[in-house]
Protein backbone atom coordinates (compact mmCIF):
# COMPACT_ATOMS: atom_id res chain seq x y z
CA MET A 1 39.92 72.07 36.64
CA ASP A 2 38.65 71.68 33.13
CA THR A 3 39.70 75.10 32.36
CA PRO A 4 43.09 75.00 29.77
CA LEU A 5 46.26 75.77 31.79
CA SER A 6 46.87 78.63 29.71
CA THR A 7 48.06 81.10 32.49
CA ILE A 8 50.75 79.68 34.97
CA ALA A 9 52.43 81.09 38.01
CA VAL A 10 55.90 80.18 38.90
CA VAL A 11 56.87 80.89 42.50
CA GLY A 12 60.62 80.84 43.28
CA LEU A 13 62.96 81.99 40.45
CA GLY A 14 66.12 80.06 41.31
CA THR A 15 67.71 77.65 38.58
CA MET A 16 64.66 75.19 38.51
CA GLY A 17 62.20 78.00 38.71
CA THR A 18 63.66 79.75 35.61
CA GLY A 19 63.89 76.56 33.77
CA ILE A 20 60.41 75.68 34.46
CA ALA A 21 59.30 79.05 33.30
CA GLU A 22 61.31 78.87 29.91
CA VAL A 23 59.59 75.69 29.31
CA LEU A 24 56.23 77.03 29.96
CA ALA A 25 56.75 80.28 28.05
CA ARG A 26 58.13 78.26 25.06
CA ALA A 27 55.19 75.96 24.98
CA GLY A 28 52.92 79.22 24.47
CA ARG A 29 51.94 79.78 28.03
CA GLU A 30 51.55 82.90 29.80
CA VAL A 31 53.98 82.77 32.74
CA ILE A 32 54.01 84.79 35.94
CA GLY A 33 57.04 84.62 37.75
CA ILE A 34 57.26 85.45 41.14
CA ASP A 35 60.12 86.04 43.57
CA ILE A 36 60.50 88.10 46.76
CA SER A 37 64.09 89.05 45.19
CA GLU A 38 64.29 91.41 42.60
CA ALA A 39 67.67 90.32 41.90
CA ALA A 40 66.41 86.56 41.29
CA ALA A 41 63.44 88.02 38.93
CA ARG A 42 66.14 90.11 36.75
CA GLN A 43 68.43 87.15 36.59
CA ALA A 44 65.68 84.83 35.55
CA VAL A 45 64.57 87.26 32.66
CA ALA A 46 68.48 87.57 31.67
CA ALA A 47 68.40 83.80 31.47
CA LEU A 48 65.53 83.34 29.41
CA GLU A 49 66.91 86.19 27.13
CA ALA A 50 70.52 84.23 26.78
CA SER A 51 68.85 80.89 26.22
CA THR A 52 66.48 82.37 23.31
CA ALA A 53 69.20 84.17 21.78
CA ARG A 54 71.34 80.74 21.61
CA ALA A 55 68.30 79.49 20.09
CA VAL A 56 67.92 81.80 17.44
CA GLN A 57 71.54 81.23 16.76
CA LYS A 58 71.24 77.51 16.39
CA GLY A 59 68.25 78.21 14.05
CA ARG A 60 65.86 76.28 16.39
CA ILE A 61 63.44 79.46 16.72
CA THR A 62 63.11 82.65 14.61
CA GLU A 63 63.84 86.38 16.32
CA GLY A 64 59.87 86.93 15.79
CA GLU A 65 59.32 83.56 18.17
CA ARG A 66 61.80 84.59 20.44
CA HIS A 67 59.95 87.91 21.00
CA ASP A 68 56.99 86.32 21.46
CA VAL A 69 58.62 84.19 24.23
CA LEU A 70 59.82 86.72 26.09
CA ALA A 71 56.69 88.82 25.91
CA ARG A 72 55.05 85.63 27.79
CA PHE A 73 57.23 85.81 30.77
CA ARG A 74 56.60 88.64 33.23
CA THR A 75 58.08 88.97 36.58
CA PHE A 76 56.56 90.56 40.05
CA SER A 77 57.70 90.18 43.55
CA ASP A 78 54.07 90.10 45.02
CA LEU A 79 52.30 86.90 45.37
CA GLN A 80 49.16 88.64 44.36
CA ALA A 81 50.08 88.35 40.90
CA ALA A 82 49.09 84.78 41.02
CA ALA A 83 45.41 85.68 41.40
CA ASP A 84 44.51 84.86 37.81
CA ALA A 85 46.51 81.64 37.31
CA GLN A 86 44.95 78.46 36.70
CA LEU A 87 48.03 76.68 38.03
CA VAL A 88 50.74 77.72 40.17
CA ILE A 89 54.00 75.91 40.52
CA GLU A 90 56.32 76.22 43.66
CA VAL A 91 59.74 76.11 43.55
CA VAL A 92 60.65 77.57 46.99
CA PRO A 93 63.30 76.36 49.34
CA GLU A 94 62.80 72.55 50.71
CA SER A 95 61.07 73.81 53.96
CA TYR A 96 57.71 72.67 55.53
CA GLU A 97 57.32 75.93 56.87
CA ILE A 98 58.28 77.84 53.94
CA LYS A 99 55.77 75.92 51.56
CA GLN A 100 53.06 75.71 53.98
CA GLN A 101 52.63 79.22 54.63
CA LEU A 102 53.03 79.85 50.68
CA PHE A 103 49.93 77.52 50.11
CA ARG A 104 48.24 78.97 53.16
CA GLU A 105 48.54 82.56 51.48
CA LEU A 106 47.77 81.08 48.11
CA ASP A 107 44.32 79.95 49.38
CA ALA A 108 43.54 83.39 49.79
CA ILE A 109 44.54 84.67 46.57
CA THR A 110 43.69 82.26 43.80
CA SER A 111 40.52 80.87 42.50
CA PRO A 112 39.40 77.58 44.50
CA THR A 113 39.66 75.77 40.68
CA ALA A 114 43.14 76.59 40.35
CA ILE A 115 45.57 73.81 40.75
CA LEU A 116 48.49 74.30 43.32
CA ALA A 117 51.51 72.10 42.44
CA THR A 118 54.92 71.73 44.45
CA GLY A 119 57.99 71.07 43.07
CA THR A 120 59.30 69.48 46.04
CA ASN A 121 61.57 66.28 45.44
CA ALA A 122 61.85 65.47 49.24
CA LEU A 123 58.79 66.53 51.26
CA SER A 124 55.43 64.78 51.51
CA VAL A 125 52.67 66.15 49.27
CA THR A 126 50.30 64.75 51.48
CA ARG A 127 51.40 66.85 54.56
CA LEU A 128 51.58 70.02 52.30
CA ALA A 129 47.89 69.50 50.90
CA ALA A 130 46.91 69.01 54.35
CA GLU A 131 47.62 72.59 55.22
CA SER A 132 45.48 73.80 52.18
CA GLN A 133 41.76 74.70 52.27
CA HIS A 134 41.32 72.84 49.11
CA PRO A 135 43.68 69.78 49.51
CA GLU A 136 42.29 67.89 46.55
CA ARG A 137 43.68 70.76 43.96
CA VAL A 138 47.59 70.14 45.67
CA ILE A 139 49.60 67.74 43.30
CA GLY A 140 53.37 67.32 43.10
CA LEU A 141 54.99 68.21 39.72
CA HIS A 142 58.44 67.35 39.84
CA PHE A 143 60.73 68.61 37.01
CA PHE A 144 64.32 67.94 36.60
CA ASN A 145 67.30 69.88 36.47
CA PRO A 146 67.97 71.50 33.84
CA ALA A 147 64.19 71.92 33.13
CA PRO A 148 64.31 72.77 29.24
CA ALA A 149 66.64 69.78 28.55
CA MET A 150 65.38 66.74 30.73
CA LYS A 151 62.30 64.93 29.65
CA LEU A 152 61.09 63.38 32.81
CA VAL A 153 58.14 65.07 34.80
CA GLU A 154 56.96 63.23 38.10
CA VAL A 155 53.45 63.82 38.89
CA VAL A 156 52.60 63.01 42.34
CA SER A 157 49.36 62.32 43.49
CA SER A 158 48.40 62.58 47.34
CA VAL A 159 45.55 60.39 48.97
CA LEU A 160 43.74 63.78 48.79
CA THR A 161 44.39 64.74 45.10
CA ALA A 162 41.33 65.01 42.83
CA PRO A 163 41.78 62.93 39.61
CA PRO A 164 40.73 66.15 37.46
CA ALA A 165 43.98 67.68 38.70
CA VAL A 166 46.14 64.63 37.94
CA GLU A 167 44.66 64.34 34.45
CA ALA A 168 45.45 68.14 33.68
CA VAL A 169 48.70 68.35 34.70
CA THR A 170 49.54 65.01 33.23
CA THR A 171 48.05 66.64 29.90
CA LEU A 172 50.00 69.79 30.38
CA ALA A 173 53.61 67.76 30.91
CA ARG A 174 52.67 65.98 27.45
CA GLU A 175 52.21 69.60 25.84
CA LEU A 176 55.26 70.69 27.12
CA GLY A 177 57.17 67.80 25.23
CA LYS A 178 57.79 65.97 28.29
CA GLU A 179 57.49 62.28 29.78
CA PRO A 180 55.09 62.37 32.75
CA VAL A 181 55.07 59.41 35.08
CA ALA A 182 52.58 58.99 37.79
CA VAL A 183 54.14 58.01 41.19
CA GLY A 184 52.58 57.91 44.77
CA ASP A 185 53.61 60.44 47.66
CA ARG A 186 56.74 59.11 49.50
CA PRO A 187 60.27 60.98 49.88
CA GLY A 188 62.38 61.11 46.46
CA PHE A 189 59.38 59.34 44.60
CA VAL A 190 60.98 57.32 41.88
CA ALA A 191 63.95 58.96 40.47
CA ASP A 192 65.24 60.64 43.29
CA GLY A 193 64.03 57.79 45.45
CA LEU A 194 66.86 55.67 43.79
CA LEU A 195 69.32 58.14 42.69
CA PHE A 196 69.96 59.89 46.05
CA GLY A 197 71.00 56.51 47.91
CA TYR A 198 73.20 56.08 45.19
CA LEU A 199 74.85 59.61 45.73
CA ASN A 200 74.85 59.15 49.33
CA GLN A 201 76.74 55.93 49.26
CA ALA A 202 79.16 57.52 46.88
CA ALA A 203 79.84 60.22 49.41
CA ALA A 204 80.12 57.87 52.15
CA MET A 205 82.78 55.98 49.94
CA TYR A 206 84.93 58.92 49.46
CA GLU A 207 84.47 59.95 53.15
CA ALA A 208 86.07 56.85 54.15
CA SER A 209 89.09 57.39 51.96
CA TYR A 210 88.44 54.38 49.88
CA ALA A 211 89.00 56.06 46.74
CA SER A 212 89.78 59.49 45.44
CA ARG A 213 86.76 61.45 44.25
CA GLU A 214 88.35 61.39 40.67
CA ASP A 215 88.21 57.69 40.87
CA ILE A 216 85.03 57.45 42.19
CA ASP A 217 83.40 59.81 39.69
CA ALA A 218 85.52 58.08 36.31
CA ALA A 219 84.57 54.72 37.57
CA MET A 220 80.74 55.24 37.53
CA LYS A 221 80.94 57.32 34.12
CA LEU A 222 83.14 54.70 32.28
CA GLY A 223 81.90 51.53 33.98
CA CYS A 224 78.37 52.45 33.71
CA GLY A 225 78.22 55.17 31.12
CA LEU A 226 76.66 57.96 33.21
CA PRO A 227 76.68 61.25 32.13
CA MET A 228 78.33 62.46 35.49
CA GLY A 229 80.13 61.05 38.23
CA PRO A 230 78.11 60.92 41.62
CA LEU A 231 80.48 63.54 43.55
CA ALA A 232 79.90 66.02 40.66
CA LEU A 233 76.48 65.50 40.45
CA LEU A 234 76.02 66.06 44.33
CA ASP A 235 78.12 69.38 43.68
CA LEU A 236 75.43 70.47 40.69
CA ILE A 237 72.41 69.56 42.81
CA GLY A 238 73.63 71.18 45.67
CA VAL A 239 74.93 69.17 48.78
CA ASP A 240 72.75 71.09 51.16
CA THR A 241 69.62 69.93 48.84
CA ALA A 242 70.73 66.18 48.71
CA ARG A 243 71.21 66.58 52.78
CA THR A 244 67.38 67.67 52.71
CA VAL A 245 66.38 65.05 50.45
CA LEU A 246 68.04 62.07 51.98
CA GLU A 247 66.98 63.15 55.68
CA ALA A 248 63.29 63.19 54.09
CA MET A 249 63.91 59.61 52.69
CA TYR A 250 65.32 58.47 55.88
CA SER A 251 62.69 59.94 58.19
CA GLU A 252 60.46 57.26 56.48
CA SER A 253 62.45 54.68 55.32
CA HIS A 254 64.81 54.34 58.13
CA ASP A 255 67.20 52.45 55.89
CA ARG A 256 70.86 53.30 56.72
CA LEU A 257 71.62 53.58 53.02
CA HIS A 258 69.44 56.87 53.35
CA ALA A 259 71.18 58.29 56.63
CA PRO A 260 73.03 61.21 55.03
CA ALA A 261 76.54 60.50 55.16
CA PRO A 262 78.28 62.83 57.70
CA ILE A 263 80.45 64.69 54.88
CA LEU A 264 77.23 66.14 53.64
CA LYS A 265 76.58 67.70 56.88
CA GLN A 266 79.98 69.14 57.31
CA LEU A 267 80.08 70.49 54.01
CA SER A 268 76.65 71.92 54.09
CA GLU A 269 77.40 73.59 57.51
CA ALA A 270 80.42 74.99 56.27
CA GLY A 271 78.53 76.69 53.16
CA LEU A 272 80.84 74.40 50.79
CA THR A 273 77.26 73.43 49.16
CA GLY A 274 78.81 72.81 45.29
CA ARG A 275 78.87 74.67 42.35
CA LYS A 276 76.40 77.41 43.62
CA SER A 277 79.03 78.46 46.50
CA GLY A 278 82.05 77.69 44.32
CA ARG A 279 83.06 74.57 46.19
CA GLY A 280 81.85 71.24 47.43
CA PHE A 281 83.32 68.03 46.78
CA TYR A 282 85.32 69.88 43.99
CA THR A 283 86.52 73.41 43.86
CA TYR A 284 85.21 75.70 40.90
CA ALA A 285 86.51 78.79 39.25
CA ALA A 286 83.70 80.88 40.95
CA PRO A 287 80.36 80.70 42.48
CA GLY A 288 77.90 79.14 39.93
CA SER A 289 80.77 78.09 37.55
CA GLN A 290 80.95 74.55 36.10
CA THR A 291 84.91 74.63 35.66
CA VAL A 292 86.88 72.68 38.15
CA VAL A 293 90.10 74.23 39.29
CA PRO A 294 92.95 72.34 41.01
CA ASP A 295 92.68 72.15 44.86
CA ALA A 296 94.83 70.59 47.62
CA LYS A 297 93.13 67.10 46.64
CA THR A 298 93.65 67.20 43.13
CA PRO A 299 95.91 64.27 42.29
CA GLN A 300 99.68 65.37 41.57
CA GLU A 301 101.67 63.64 38.98
CA SER A 302 104.14 61.26 40.90
CA THR A 303 107.81 62.11 40.79
CA GLY A 304 110.29 59.73 41.72
CA ALA A 305 107.22 57.00 41.82
CA THR A 306 107.87 53.25 41.80
CA ALA A 307 109.06 52.17 38.43
CA GLY A 308 106.82 49.10 37.21
CA ARG A 309 108.26 45.67 35.99
CA THR A 310 108.69 45.05 32.34
CA VAL A 311 105.62 43.44 30.43
CA ARG A 312 106.09 42.23 27.04
CA SER A 313 104.07 39.14 27.25
CA VAL A 314 100.56 38.46 28.72
CA GLY A 315 98.83 34.88 29.50
CA VAL A 316 95.11 35.21 29.73
CA ALA A 317 93.44 32.42 31.37
CA GLY A 318 89.85 31.38 30.25
CA SER A 319 87.77 30.57 27.08
CA GLY A 320 84.79 32.81 27.81
CA THR A 321 83.89 36.12 26.31
CA MET A 322 85.58 38.13 28.76
CA ALA A 323 88.69 36.04 28.47
CA SER A 324 88.76 36.53 24.84
CA GLY A 325 87.80 40.22 25.06
CA ILE A 326 90.92 40.57 27.18
CA ALA A 327 93.10 38.75 25.12
CA GLU A 328 92.10 41.07 22.04
CA VAL A 329 92.86 44.00 23.89
CA PHE A 330 96.37 43.22 24.88
CA ALA A 331 97.11 41.95 21.09
CA LYS A 332 95.81 45.09 19.84
CA ALA A 333 98.05 46.95 22.06
CA GLY A 334 101.20 45.17 20.60
CA TYR A 335 101.57 42.30 23.47
CA ASP A 336 102.28 38.76 22.52
CA VAL A 337 99.24 36.98 24.03
CA VAL A 338 99.10 33.32 25.11
CA LEU A 339 95.27 32.44 25.54
CA ALA A 340 94.83 29.25 27.53
CA ALA A 341 91.92 27.45 28.32
CA ARG A 342 91.05 23.94 29.80
CA SER A 343 91.59 22.03 26.20
CA GLN A 344 92.89 23.03 23.19
CA GLU A 345 89.55 22.96 21.45
CA LYS A 346 88.12 25.46 23.75
CA ALA A 347 91.23 27.74 23.22
CA ASP A 348 90.94 27.71 19.74
CA THR A 349 87.28 28.44 19.94
CA ALA A 350 87.84 31.49 22.12
CA ARG A 351 90.64 32.51 19.57
CA GLY A 352 88.01 32.39 16.79
CA ARG A 353 85.91 34.48 18.65
CA ILE A 354 88.58 37.03 18.54
CA ALA A 355 89.02 36.64 14.81
CA LYS A 356 85.33 37.48 14.24
CA SER A 357 85.59 40.27 16.37
CA LEU A 358 88.55 41.72 14.59
CA GLU A 359 86.71 40.97 11.25
CA ARG A 360 83.70 43.22 12.46
CA SER A 361 86.25 45.87 13.40
CA VAL A 362 87.35 45.88 9.89
CA THR A 363 83.97 45.65 8.14
CA LYS A 364 83.32 48.98 10.06
CA GLY A 365 86.28 50.77 9.10
CA ARG A 366 87.93 50.85 12.60
CA LEU A 367 90.71 48.29 11.70
CA THR A 368 92.68 47.74 8.66
CA ALA A 369 93.09 44.26 7.44
CA GLU A 370 96.79 44.20 8.18
CA ALA A 371 96.39 45.38 11.89
CA ARG A 372 93.75 42.49 12.12
CA ASP A 373 96.42 39.97 10.66
CA GLU A 374 99.00 41.34 12.85
CA THR A 375 96.79 41.28 15.95
CA LEU A 376 95.72 37.52 15.43
CA ALA A 377 99.04 36.64 14.73
CA ARG A 378 100.28 37.68 18.13
CA ILE A 379 97.78 35.35 19.97
CA THR A 380 98.78 31.74 20.72
CA ALA A 381 96.16 29.31 21.78
CA ALA A 382 96.89 26.79 24.25
CA GLY A 383 95.15 23.89 26.04
CA SER A 384 97.27 24.26 29.03
CA LEU A 385 98.54 26.97 31.73
CA ASP A 386 102.20 25.06 31.34
CA SER A 387 102.32 27.80 28.25
CA PHE A 388 102.56 30.62 30.73
CA ASP A 389 105.89 29.55 31.73
CA ASP A 390 107.47 32.96 30.12
CA VAL A 391 104.64 35.14 30.42
CA ASP A 392 105.24 38.46 32.60
CA LEU A 393 101.73 39.18 33.22
CA ALA A 394 98.92 36.23 33.95
CA VAL A 395 95.35 37.42 33.95
CA GLU A 396 92.91 34.94 34.94
CA ALA A 397 89.25 35.33 33.48
CA VAL A 398 87.56 32.28 34.67
CA ALA A 399 84.18 31.38 36.69
CA GLU A 400 83.27 33.91 39.58
CA ASP A 401 83.99 31.11 41.74
CA LEU A 402 86.52 31.32 44.65
CA ALA A 403 87.66 27.87 44.70
CA VAL A 404 87.80 27.80 41.06
CA LYS A 405 90.25 30.83 41.17
CA GLN A 406 92.21 29.73 44.17
CA GLN A 407 93.08 26.39 42.18
CA LEU A 408 93.81 28.27 39.28
CA PHE A 409 96.26 30.65 41.29
CA ALA A 410 97.83 27.87 42.78
CA THR A 411 98.68 26.70 39.39
CA LEU A 412 99.94 29.56 38.32
CA ASP A 413 102.24 29.85 41.22
CA LYS A 414 103.94 26.71 40.06
CA VAL A 415 103.87 27.30 36.18
CA CYS A 416 104.65 31.20 35.93
CA LYS A 417 108.47 32.67 36.22
CA PRO A 418 109.40 34.46 39.58
CA GLY A 419 108.66 38.16 38.98
CA ALA A 420 105.37 37.65 37.02
CA VAL A 421 102.70 39.67 38.04
CA LEU A 422 99.57 37.48 38.69
CA ALA A 423 96.19 39.23 38.00
CA THR A 424 92.38 38.39 38.79
CA THR A 425 90.01 39.89 36.91
CA THR A 426 87.11 39.13 39.64
CA SER A 427 84.22 41.55 40.07
CA SER A 428 83.32 40.69 43.59
CA LEU A 429 85.28 38.18 45.09
CA PRO A 430 88.14 38.84 47.65
CA VAL A 431 91.62 39.38 45.55
CA VAL A 432 93.51 38.44 48.82
CA ALA A 433 91.88 35.46 48.95
CA CYS A 434 93.40 34.36 45.48
CA ALA A 435 96.47 35.55 46.66
CA ARG A 436 96.93 33.60 49.58
CA ALA A 437 96.69 30.40 47.34
CA THR A 438 100.21 31.41 45.85
CA SER A 439 103.75 31.48 47.72
CA ARG A 440 103.92 34.94 46.31
CA PRO A 441 101.07 37.13 47.27
CA GLN A 442 103.14 40.16 46.70
CA ASP A 443 102.75 39.76 43.01
CA VAL A 444 98.94 39.18 42.89
CA ILE A 445 96.56 42.27 42.20
CA GLY A 446 93.07 42.84 40.66
CA MET A 447 92.63 44.04 37.25
CA HIS A 448 88.62 44.21 36.83
CA PHE A 449 87.76 44.82 33.25
CA PHE A 450 84.37 45.47 32.34
CA ASN A 451 82.04 43.58 29.34
CA PRO A 452 82.52 44.12 26.33
CA ALA A 453 86.38 44.61 27.16
CA PRO A 454 87.50 46.11 23.53
CA ALA A 455 84.74 48.68 24.02
CA MET A 456 84.71 49.72 27.82
CA LYS A 457 87.53 51.94 29.01
CA LEU A 458 87.69 51.16 32.72
CA VAL A 459 89.74 48.84 34.77
CA GLU A 460 89.54 48.80 38.49
CA VAL A 461 93.02 48.19 39.90
CA VAL A 462 92.46 46.44 43.04
CA ARG A 463 95.45 46.38 45.67
CA THR A 464 95.64 43.97 48.61
CA VAL A 465 97.37 44.60 51.60
CA LEU A 466 100.08 42.36 50.41
CA THR A 467 100.57 43.60 46.87
CA ASP A 468 103.98 45.32 46.36
CA ASP A 469 104.51 48.55 44.95
CA ASP A 470 106.15 47.79 41.78
CA VAL A 471 103.16 45.18 40.87
CA HIS A 472 100.76 48.22 41.40
CA ALA A 473 102.78 50.45 39.27
CA THR A 474 103.15 47.82 36.58
CA VAL A 475 99.57 47.26 36.09
CA ARG A 476 98.76 51.16 35.77
CA GLU A 477 101.41 51.51 33.24
CA VAL A 478 100.18 48.33 31.18
CA CYS A 479 96.49 49.90 31.57
CA GLY A 480 97.76 53.15 29.83
CA LYS A 481 99.39 50.95 27.10
CA ILE A 482 96.36 49.17 26.30
CA ARG A 483 94.25 52.69 26.38
CA LYS A 484 91.89 51.92 29.52
CA HIS A 485 91.48 54.11 32.51
CA PRO A 486 92.69 52.78 35.67
CA VAL A 487 90.97 53.52 38.93
CA ASP A 488 92.66 52.56 42.33
CA CYS A 489 90.79 50.92 44.99
CA ALA A 490 91.29 48.59 47.91
CA ASP A 491 90.11 45.11 48.15
CA ARG A 492 86.80 45.46 49.36
CA ALA A 493 83.25 43.67 48.13
CA GLY A 494 82.19 45.31 45.08
CA PHE A 495 85.41 47.50 44.46
CA ILE A 496 83.72 50.75 43.14
CA VAL A 497 81.47 50.41 40.51
CA ASN A 498 79.41 47.36 41.65
CA ALA A 499 79.22 48.59 45.39
CA LEU A 500 77.53 51.53 43.92
CA LEU A 501 75.53 50.07 41.20
CA PHE A 502 74.19 47.02 42.80
CA PRO A 503 72.55 48.24 45.77
CA TYR A 504 70.96 50.98 43.46
CA LEU A 505 69.45 47.89 41.19
CA ASN A 506 68.39 46.54 44.48
CA ASN A 507 66.36 49.34 45.75
CA ALA A 508 64.70 49.57 42.29
CA ILE A 509 63.56 45.91 42.44
CA LYS A 510 62.06 46.86 46.09
CA MET A 511 60.05 49.29 44.82
CA VAL A 512 58.45 47.06 42.17
CA GLY A 513 58.11 44.68 44.93
CA GLU A 514 56.27 47.33 47.16
CA HIS A 515 54.05 47.71 44.02
CA TYR A 516 55.24 51.41 44.25
CA ALA A 517 55.77 51.88 40.44
CA SER A 518 56.20 49.86 37.32
CA LEU A 519 58.89 48.30 35.65
CA ASP A 520 58.33 50.70 32.89
CA ASP A 521 58.15 53.66 35.03
CA ILE A 522 61.26 53.16 36.90
CA ASP A 523 62.99 52.57 33.80
CA ALA A 524 61.90 55.53 32.04
CA ALA A 525 62.60 57.50 35.23
CA MET A 526 66.12 56.91 35.53
CA LYS A 527 66.66 57.12 31.63
CA LEU A 528 64.80 60.20 31.36
CA GLY A 529 65.44 61.59 34.86
CA GLY A 530 68.90 60.66 35.72
CA GLY A 531 70.57 60.32 32.21
CA TYR A 532 71.06 56.66 32.52
CA PRO A 533 71.75 54.79 29.37
CA MET A 534 69.76 51.80 30.55
CA GLY A 535 66.99 51.59 33.19
CA PRO A 536 67.41 49.19 36.23
CA PHE A 537 65.35 46.35 34.85
CA GLU A 538 66.75 46.55 31.54
CA LEU A 539 70.18 46.28 32.91
CA LEU A 540 69.52 43.80 35.39
CA ASP A 541 68.10 41.40 32.66
CA VAL A 542 71.40 41.97 30.53
CA VAL A 543 73.56 41.37 33.48
CA GLY A 544 71.67 38.20 34.41
CA LEU A 545 69.52 38.00 37.81
CA ASP A 546 71.64 35.04 39.12
CA VAL A 547 74.83 37.13 38.59
CA SER A 548 73.21 40.15 40.46
CA LEU A 549 72.00 38.30 43.21
CA ALA A 550 75.35 36.83 43.62
CA ILE A 551 76.85 40.17 43.74
CA GLU A 552 74.15 41.27 46.06
CA LYS A 553 74.51 38.57 48.56
CA VAL A 554 78.41 39.52 48.52
CA LEU A 555 77.86 42.87 49.40
CA HIS A 556 75.52 41.95 52.11
CA GLY A 557 77.89 39.39 53.64
CA GLU A 558 80.62 41.78 53.85
CA PHE A 559 78.97 45.09 55.02
CA ARG A 560 76.16 43.69 57.20
CA ASP A 561 73.88 46.28 56.29
CA PRO A 562 70.12 45.34 56.43
CA GLY A 563 69.57 47.80 53.41
CA LEU A 564 71.84 45.73 51.17
CA ALA A 565 70.03 42.45 51.80
CA PRO A 566 68.92 40.99 48.41
CA ALA A 567 65.22 42.04 47.71
CA PRO A 568 62.76 38.98 47.89
CA LEU A 569 61.54 39.36 44.46
CA LEU A 570 64.86 38.87 43.11
CA GLU A 571 65.62 35.89 44.98
CA HIS A 572 62.10 34.63 43.97
CA LEU A 573 62.82 35.11 40.19
CA VAL A 574 66.19 33.48 40.43
CA ALA A 575 64.79 30.36 42.29
CA ALA A 576 62.33 29.93 39.46
CA GLY A 577 65.30 30.22 36.63
CA CYS A 578 64.02 33.68 35.38
CA LEU A 579 67.35 34.89 34.89
CA GLY A 580 67.09 37.59 32.17
CA ARG A 581 67.95 37.67 28.73
CA LYS A 582 69.83 34.53 28.63
CA THR A 583 67.09 32.43 29.57
CA GLY A 584 64.15 34.48 27.79
CA ARG A 585 62.69 35.78 30.69
CA GLY A 586 63.59 37.98 33.80
CA PHE A 587 62.05 41.11 34.84
CA ARG A 588 60.62 40.87 30.74
CA GLU A 589 60.10 37.96 28.41
CA TYR A 590 62.31 38.10 25.50
CA ALA A 591 61.67 36.14 21.87
CA ARG A 592 63.57 33.04 21.91
CA ARG A 593 66.87 33.17 19.40
C-alpha cells in the first residue's frame, strides 16, 4: 500500500465511472476503464473526448495536454485488465450481489496489496469487505456527480480497513484536487445521509398534492439558495437510485423519514427513473436530456381566473428587521406604505433603518438618489394601528407568538376597512388561528417573506380553508408587482421551505450528537457535495438555535413523527443560552462585537 497509486482501474463506465476516469486521467494517472458493455466503453471515450475538447476551447488545457489525457485512458471489457492496478474503483449497480461477486473476482486477479474501493453511496462497506479475502484493503471512495466538478470525496472506513489504505486514498483525493472527508460506515454516509432524507420528504410532499412540483422546487431554490430543487435533483440522481439509497438507510435507522415515499417505488417500477429515462417527476426532451418539456402536470396560464382586489396602499405592522424590510419592498414597488409600531419612536427607528438600507443601495449603484428619496417619501411611520384605517393590504410582521398575533389580528379586524386583505408573515404558526381572531377569516392569508426581504425573491402564499379566491388572487398579483416569486401551499406547519429544511438541520445535529462526524466535516460535505451555500451548522447559528428549536417543536407537534423530535443536543444548547451568532456562541463560538 506504500506504492504510489499511478495505475487505477475504474470498473463500471456509466456517468459516475466516466466522470471518475476523467478526473484521474486529467491528474496524470494511467486509467483502465472496464465495462462489460462495449457501447458503454465507447460512450465513455466519447465523453472524455468531448469534455477535453471543451477544455481546449476554453483555454483550460492545451491540445498537447488533451492528447496526453486521452492517451492515459484505455478501455476493456475483461476484468483481467485490472491485474496491474494499484487501486480499483468499482462503480457498478447498487446491489450487494453484483458488488460482492465483483470483489471475489478481483481477489483472484489483483495483487494482494492493491486497494479495492467501492463507490457505493448506500451499501455497507463492511459487508462488502467481509466477502473479500483481504478485507483490510477494501474501502469506500464516494465521489459526487458530476465527478469532474464536485469537490467532495467521502473516504469511508470499515472496522476492517487498514490505516495505510485510508491514508493512500486520502492522499490521492487531495492530489486530484478534491476535499476528502473521513466518515464511518453507515448508509448514506454524511452528505447523502442528510440529502436523501430531505429529498424523500419533498417526494412525499408532492405525492400528498400539498404543492406542485414547480412550487416545491422553486421554494427550495429561492428560499434556501440551493442550485436545484429536490424533485429535479431526484430526476438527475435517478429515482431508482434514490429509492435504493433510502431503503438501505431505513433498514438501519428504522426512521420513518427514511422510508421511501411510495411515489418513488411507483415511478421506479414504471421505468420513470428521471432524466436517464426521459421522464420522472418531470418530462424531458429525450432520455439523458436535461431539457424539461411541458406535460399534463405543467401549470397552465389561467383563463378567466378570479380577479384580485385593488391594492394601492399597504400597512406593515412591526418594527423589527423583517417589518422594515417588507415595508421597503412595497415602497420600492410604488405602494404607499404605513409602517406602524407600538410607539412612534419604534416606528421612526424602523423607518430610519429603511433609510440606511436605501442609502447603501445608492452607494452600491443599485438605486439612484432620486429613487431613494421617492421610496422613503412613500413610507409613513405611525405609532398606532389606527393608521391602517384606509390600507388595502395589512401585513403583520411581529413576534412569532400566536397570542401576540391573534391580538393584533383582532385589532386589525376593528381598524381596517371592509374588503382589506389581512396577511400574516408567520413562518410556522397556523394562519387559520390568526384568521379566527377576526370576524372576516375569508380575508386572511399567509404571506411568508424570507429574510432579508429586499433580497430574497420567495414568498410562500398560504391559503387557509376559509380564504376567499379573490384574496388569494390579490396576493399573487401583488407578489408580481413587488417582483417576488409566489409559491402556493396550504396552511400546514412549516409550509414548504421550513417543513423540508428543518428536519434536514435536525438530522445534522443528530449526526454530531451520535459522534458520527464533526461540525466541520458535515458543513464541508453539504457545501462541497450538495452545493449548499452554507453548511447546516453555519445556517443554524445564523437562524438562531432558539428559533430552530421552536420550529422543530411545531413540526413535531403537528406531524407526530418521532423522526421530527428535536435533537437532544439542540435542546441542551438552547437551555444553556447558546443560541448562535446573536449570543456569541451556538454550535461554534463567535467574536463579540
